[in-house]
Protein backbone atom coordinates (compact mmCIF):
# COMPACT_ATOMS: atom_id res chain seq x y z
CA MET A 1 0.00 0.00 0.00
CA PHE A 2 2.86 2.41 0.71
CA ALA A 3 5.23 1.16 -1.97
CA GLU A 4 5.49 4.60 -3.60
CA SER A 5 5.74 6.67 -0.44
CA ALA A 6 7.59 4.52 2.11
CA GLU A 7 10.72 6.70 2.12
CA MET A 8 8.61 9.83 2.75
CA TYR A 9 6.16 8.26 5.22
CA ASP A 10 7.76 9.57 8.41
CA LEU A 11 8.07 13.07 6.97
CA PHE A 12 4.36 13.23 6.16
CA TYR A 13 3.49 12.07 9.68
CA GLU A 14 5.82 14.35 11.63
CA TRP A 15 2.71 15.89 13.19
CA LYS A 16 1.91 12.63 14.99
CA ASP A 17 2.87 12.65 18.69
CA TYR A 18 4.45 9.20 19.00
CA PRO A 19 5.98 9.79 22.49
CA ALA A 20 2.58 10.76 23.94
CA GLU A 21 0.92 7.77 22.29
CA VAL A 22 3.52 5.34 23.63
CA ALA A 23 3.17 6.79 27.13
CA LEU A 24 -0.60 6.18 26.96
CA LEU A 25 -0.08 2.66 25.60
CA ASP A 26 2.40 1.81 28.34
CA ALA A 27 0.04 3.04 31.05
CA LEU A 28 -2.82 1.02 29.58
CA ILE A 29 -0.68 -2.11 29.38
CA ARG A 30 0.69 -1.78 32.92
CA GLN A 31 -2.82 -1.36 34.33
CA ARG A 32 -3.78 -4.74 32.86
CA HIS A 33 -0.50 -6.67 32.86
CA PHE A 34 2.03 -5.02 35.15
CA SER A 35 4.78 -7.57 34.46
CA ALA A 36 4.48 -7.51 30.64
CA ARG A 37 7.91 -7.84 29.01
CA THR A 38 7.42 -8.83 25.35
CA LEU A 39 5.50 -6.95 22.65
CA LEU A 40 4.64 -7.56 19.00
CA ASP A 41 3.48 -4.63 16.85
CA VAL A 42 1.36 -5.86 13.92
CA ALA A 43 1.42 -3.52 10.89
CA CYS A 44 4.45 -1.82 12.43
CA GLY A 45 5.16 0.28 9.33
CA THR A 46 8.41 2.23 9.63
CA GLY A 47 8.77 1.33 13.30
CA ARG A 48 8.16 4.69 14.97
CA HIS A 49 6.05 3.19 17.78
CA LEU A 50 8.47 0.28 18.14
CA GLU A 51 11.44 2.63 18.44
CA LEU A 52 9.96 4.10 21.62
CA LEU A 53 8.39 0.89 22.91
CA ALA A 54 11.81 -0.79 22.69
CA ASN A 55 12.87 1.25 25.72
CA ARG A 56 10.16 -0.51 27.76
CA TYR A 57 9.71 -3.98 26.20
CA ALA A 58 11.49 -6.65 24.19
CA VAL A 59 9.84 -5.83 20.85
CA GLU A 60 9.22 -7.38 17.45
CA GLY A 61 7.32 -6.05 14.44
CA LEU A 62 5.35 -7.38 11.50
CA ASP A 63 4.16 -5.78 8.29
CA ILE A 64 2.98 -6.79 4.81
CA GLU A 65 4.76 -3.94 2.98
CA PRO A 66 8.44 -4.73 2.25
CA ARG A 67 9.46 -1.12 1.66
CA LEU A 68 8.08 0.03 5.00
CA LEU A 69 10.03 -2.77 6.67
CA GLU A 70 13.19 -1.59 4.91
CA VAL A 71 12.81 1.76 6.67
CA ALA A 72 12.02 0.04 9.98
CA ARG A 73 15.12 -2.16 9.73
CA ARG A 74 17.34 0.89 9.34
CA ARG A 75 15.69 2.43 12.38
CA LEU A 76 15.72 -0.73 14.52
CA PRO A 77 18.88 -2.76 13.92
CA GLY A 78 18.71 -6.05 15.77
CA VAL A 79 14.92 -5.97 16.28
CA PRO A 80 13.14 -8.97 14.68
CA LEU A 81 10.87 -7.67 11.91
CA HIS A 82 8.65 -10.09 10.01
CA LEU A 83 7.18 -9.81 6.50
CA ALA A 84 3.71 -11.33 6.89
CA ASP A 85 -0.04 -10.84 6.44
CA MET A 86 -1.91 -9.94 9.63
CA ARG A 87 -4.79 -12.19 8.59
CA SER A 88 -2.79 -15.40 8.72
CA PHE A 89 0.60 -14.92 10.38
CA ASP A 90 2.06 -17.56 12.69
CA LEU A 91 5.35 -16.76 14.41
CA GLY A 92 5.27 -19.89 16.56
CA ARG A 93 5.52 -18.07 19.89
CA SER A 94 3.52 -15.81 22.18
CA PHE A 95 3.88 -12.28 23.55
CA ASP A 96 2.64 -10.43 26.61
CA VAL A 97 1.32 -7.63 24.39
CA VAL A 98 0.20 -7.44 20.76
CA THR A 99 -0.63 -4.06 19.22
CA CYS A 100 -2.14 -2.98 15.89
CA LEU A 101 -2.09 0.81 15.69
CA PHE A 102 -2.84 3.85 13.51
CA SER A 103 -5.98 2.23 12.03
CA SER A 104 -3.97 -0.39 10.14
CA ILE A 105 -6.64 -2.99 10.93
CA GLY A 106 -8.88 -1.28 8.35
CA TYR A 107 -6.73 -2.65 5.53
CA VAL A 108 -8.22 -6.13 6.01
CA ARG A 109 -11.42 -4.66 4.45
CA THR A 110 -14.04 -7.31 5.29
CA PRO A 111 -15.67 -8.50 8.54
CA ASP A 112 -14.48 -12.06 7.86
CA ALA A 113 -10.90 -10.87 7.44
CA LEU A 114 -11.26 -8.77 10.58
CA GLY A 115 -12.14 -11.91 12.50
CA GLU A 116 -9.23 -13.82 10.97
CA SER A 117 -6.79 -11.04 11.84
CA LEU A 118 -7.91 -10.61 15.44
CA SER A 119 -7.86 -14.38 15.90
CA ALA A 120 -4.28 -14.51 14.60
CA MET A 121 -3.27 -11.72 16.97
CA ALA A 122 -5.05 -13.31 19.93
CA ALA A 123 -3.35 -16.64 19.18
CA HIS A 124 0.00 -14.90 19.81
CA LEU A 125 -0.97 -13.73 23.31
CA ALA A 126 0.45 -15.44 26.36
CA PRO A 127 -1.99 -16.13 29.23
CA GLY A 128 -2.98 -12.78 30.71
CA GLY A 129 -1.74 -11.04 27.57
CA VAL A 130 -3.18 -7.81 26.17
CA LEU A 131 -4.23 -7.02 22.60
CA ILE A 132 -4.60 -3.32 21.69
CA VAL A 133 -6.23 -2.36 18.40
CA GLU A 134 -6.70 1.20 17.13
CA PRO A 135 -9.63 1.09 14.69
CA TRP A 136 -10.26 2.87 11.44
CA LEU A 137 -13.41 4.96 11.16
CA SER A 138 -16.84 3.37 11.43
CA PRO A 139 -19.44 3.61 8.62
CA GLU A 140 -21.10 6.49 10.50
CA GLN A 141 -17.85 8.39 11.07
CA PHE A 142 -16.40 8.25 7.55
CA ASP A 143 -17.27 11.27 5.40
CA PRO A 144 -16.36 10.83 1.72
CA TYR A 145 -17.06 14.52 1.11
CA HIS A 146 -14.44 15.67 3.58
CA LEU A 147 -11.62 17.55 1.85
CA ALA A 148 -8.30 16.29 3.15
CA ARG A 149 -5.78 18.90 4.24
CA PRO A 150 -2.76 18.84 1.92
CA LEU A 151 0.43 17.80 3.69
CA VAL A 152 3.65 19.53 2.69
CA ILE A 153 7.23 18.55 3.43
CA GLU A 154 10.31 20.61 2.61
CA ARG A 155 13.90 19.49 2.98
CA GLU A 156 17.20 20.59 1.42
CA SER A 157 16.91 18.18 -1.52
CA LEU A 158 13.23 17.22 -1.34
CA ALA A 159 9.87 18.97 -1.48
CA ALA A 160 6.60 17.08 -1.65
CA VAL A 161 2.86 17.55 -1.34
CA ARG A 162 0.31 14.85 -0.58
CA THR A 163 -3.45 15.10 -0.85
CA ASN A 164 -6.29 12.68 -1.43
CA ALA A 165 -9.89 12.27 -2.51
CA SER A 166 -12.24 9.79 -0.84
CA THR A 167 -15.12 7.60 -1.96
CA VAL A 168 -17.10 4.73 -0.45
CA ASP A 169 -17.60 1.35 -2.10
CA GLY A 170 -20.13 -0.54 0.01
CA ARG A 171 -18.48 -0.96 3.41
CA VAL A 172 -15.03 0.03 2.15
CA SER A 173 -13.52 3.51 2.18
CA VAL A 174 -11.34 4.26 -0.86
CA LEU A 175 -8.60 6.88 -0.48
CA ASP A 176 -6.84 8.00 -3.66
CA PHE A 177 -3.55 9.58 -2.63
CA HIS A 178 -1.64 11.86 -5.01
CA TYR A 179 1.93 13.02 -4.46
CA LEU A 180 3.94 15.73 -6.17
CA VAL A 181 7.58 15.03 -5.37
CA VAL A 182 10.30 17.50 -6.30
CA ARG A 183 13.98 16.64 -6.22
CA PRO A 184 16.87 18.47 -7.91
CA GLY A 185 16.19 18.39 -11.63
CA GLU A 186 12.91 16.43 -11.53
CA VAL A 187 9.24 16.48 -10.56
CA LYS A 188 7.27 13.25 -10.17
CA HIS A 189 3.55 12.62 -9.77
CA LEU A 190 2.91 9.44 -7.76
CA THR A 191 -0.39 7.81 -6.84
CA GLU A 192 -1.54 5.19 -4.32
CA THR A 193 -5.00 3.79 -3.65
CA HIS A 194 -5.75 2.74 -0.07
CA LYS A 195 -8.85 0.70 0.73
CA LEU A 196 -9.95 0.32 4.35
CA GLY A 197 -12.97 -1.52 5.73
CA LEU A 198 -15.55 0.46 7.68
CA PHE A 199 -16.30 -1.70 10.73
CA THR A 200 -18.71 -1.02 13.58
CA ARG A 201 -17.89 -1.14 17.27
CA ASP A 202 -20.06 -4.27 17.55
CA GLU A 203 -18.02 -5.98 14.83
CA TYR A 204 -14.71 -5.27 16.55
CA GLU A 205 -15.99 -6.41 19.91
CA ALA A 206 -17.66 -9.55 18.54
CA ALA A 207 -14.47 -10.53 16.68
CA MET A 208 -12.38 -10.08 19.83
CA ARG A 209 -14.80 -12.12 21.93
CA ALA A 210 -14.84 -14.84 19.29
CA ALA A 211 -11.04 -14.93 19.65
CA GLY A 212 -11.46 -15.66 23.37
CA LEU A 213 -10.72 -12.18 24.72
CA GLN A 214 -12.37 -9.99 27.33
CA VAL A 215 -13.03 -6.66 25.60
CA GLU A 216 -12.90 -2.99 26.62
CA HIS A 217 -13.57 0.06 24.43
CA ASP A 218 -12.19 3.57 24.86
CA PRO A 219 -14.00 5.99 22.50
CA GLU A 220 -11.11 8.50 22.50
CA GLY A 221 -8.02 6.33 22.28
CA LEU A 222 -4.68 7.71 21.12
CA MET A 223 -5.89 10.28 18.58
CA GLY A 224 -9.68 10.36 18.66
CA ARG A 225 -10.37 7.17 16.72
CA GLY A 226 -10.94 5.02 19.79
CA LEU A 227 -9.14 1.96 21.09
CA PHE A 228 -10.17 -1.65 21.64
CA THR A 229 -8.38 -3.65 24.32
CA GLY A 230 -8.71 -7.41 24.60
CA THR A 231 -7.29 -9.44 27.49
CA ARG A 232 -6.64 -13.17 27.35
CA PRO A 233 -7.67 -14.87 30.60
CA ALA A 234 -4.69 -15.92 32.68
């Protein structure tokens, strides 16, 4: 999904307060599993959350996009990073904490795939382990008529603008991203299409319960999109 923009991803998301988010995540985890030591971040992207979580846990990451993992590997030398699909991954071991953040769960698109993904994550939890999922927008929250704010980055040898238009196809939001990328002597126009499923709160909670987890919902979460927390019985 981010094959065209992986190298610019962190620049476009400089506005995101990763330290504050990790502090909230750590507090949430410690409230439910004070002795948690190991953590797997599913859809870890370029590893910004993992970089900060590595100061608190023994971490690993997983993502389906090779070019995002290339960036993460440069950031996190020595951290195990796995190329895999969140719907069907099997690492053969368990963790005290599994996270799936920044609405990445939406990329599974369908309710059946949502169930498969949350089951795969829950299967990697040790007894008493905690699963934390930051959802994408619900069908009621997503507004295809919303005009996205253009994001601009400027560096010594790079300038770029990203904007997008949105549509809805059934229960799937379709985001068409366009990039103008300027480097010395060239201008490129790049495009990416991102499709994310629009799931309801009931669908997230039902999928977590079906995976054997006790579920909590925080409507605010890390950045206003909410947060689902599932705990595996000890």
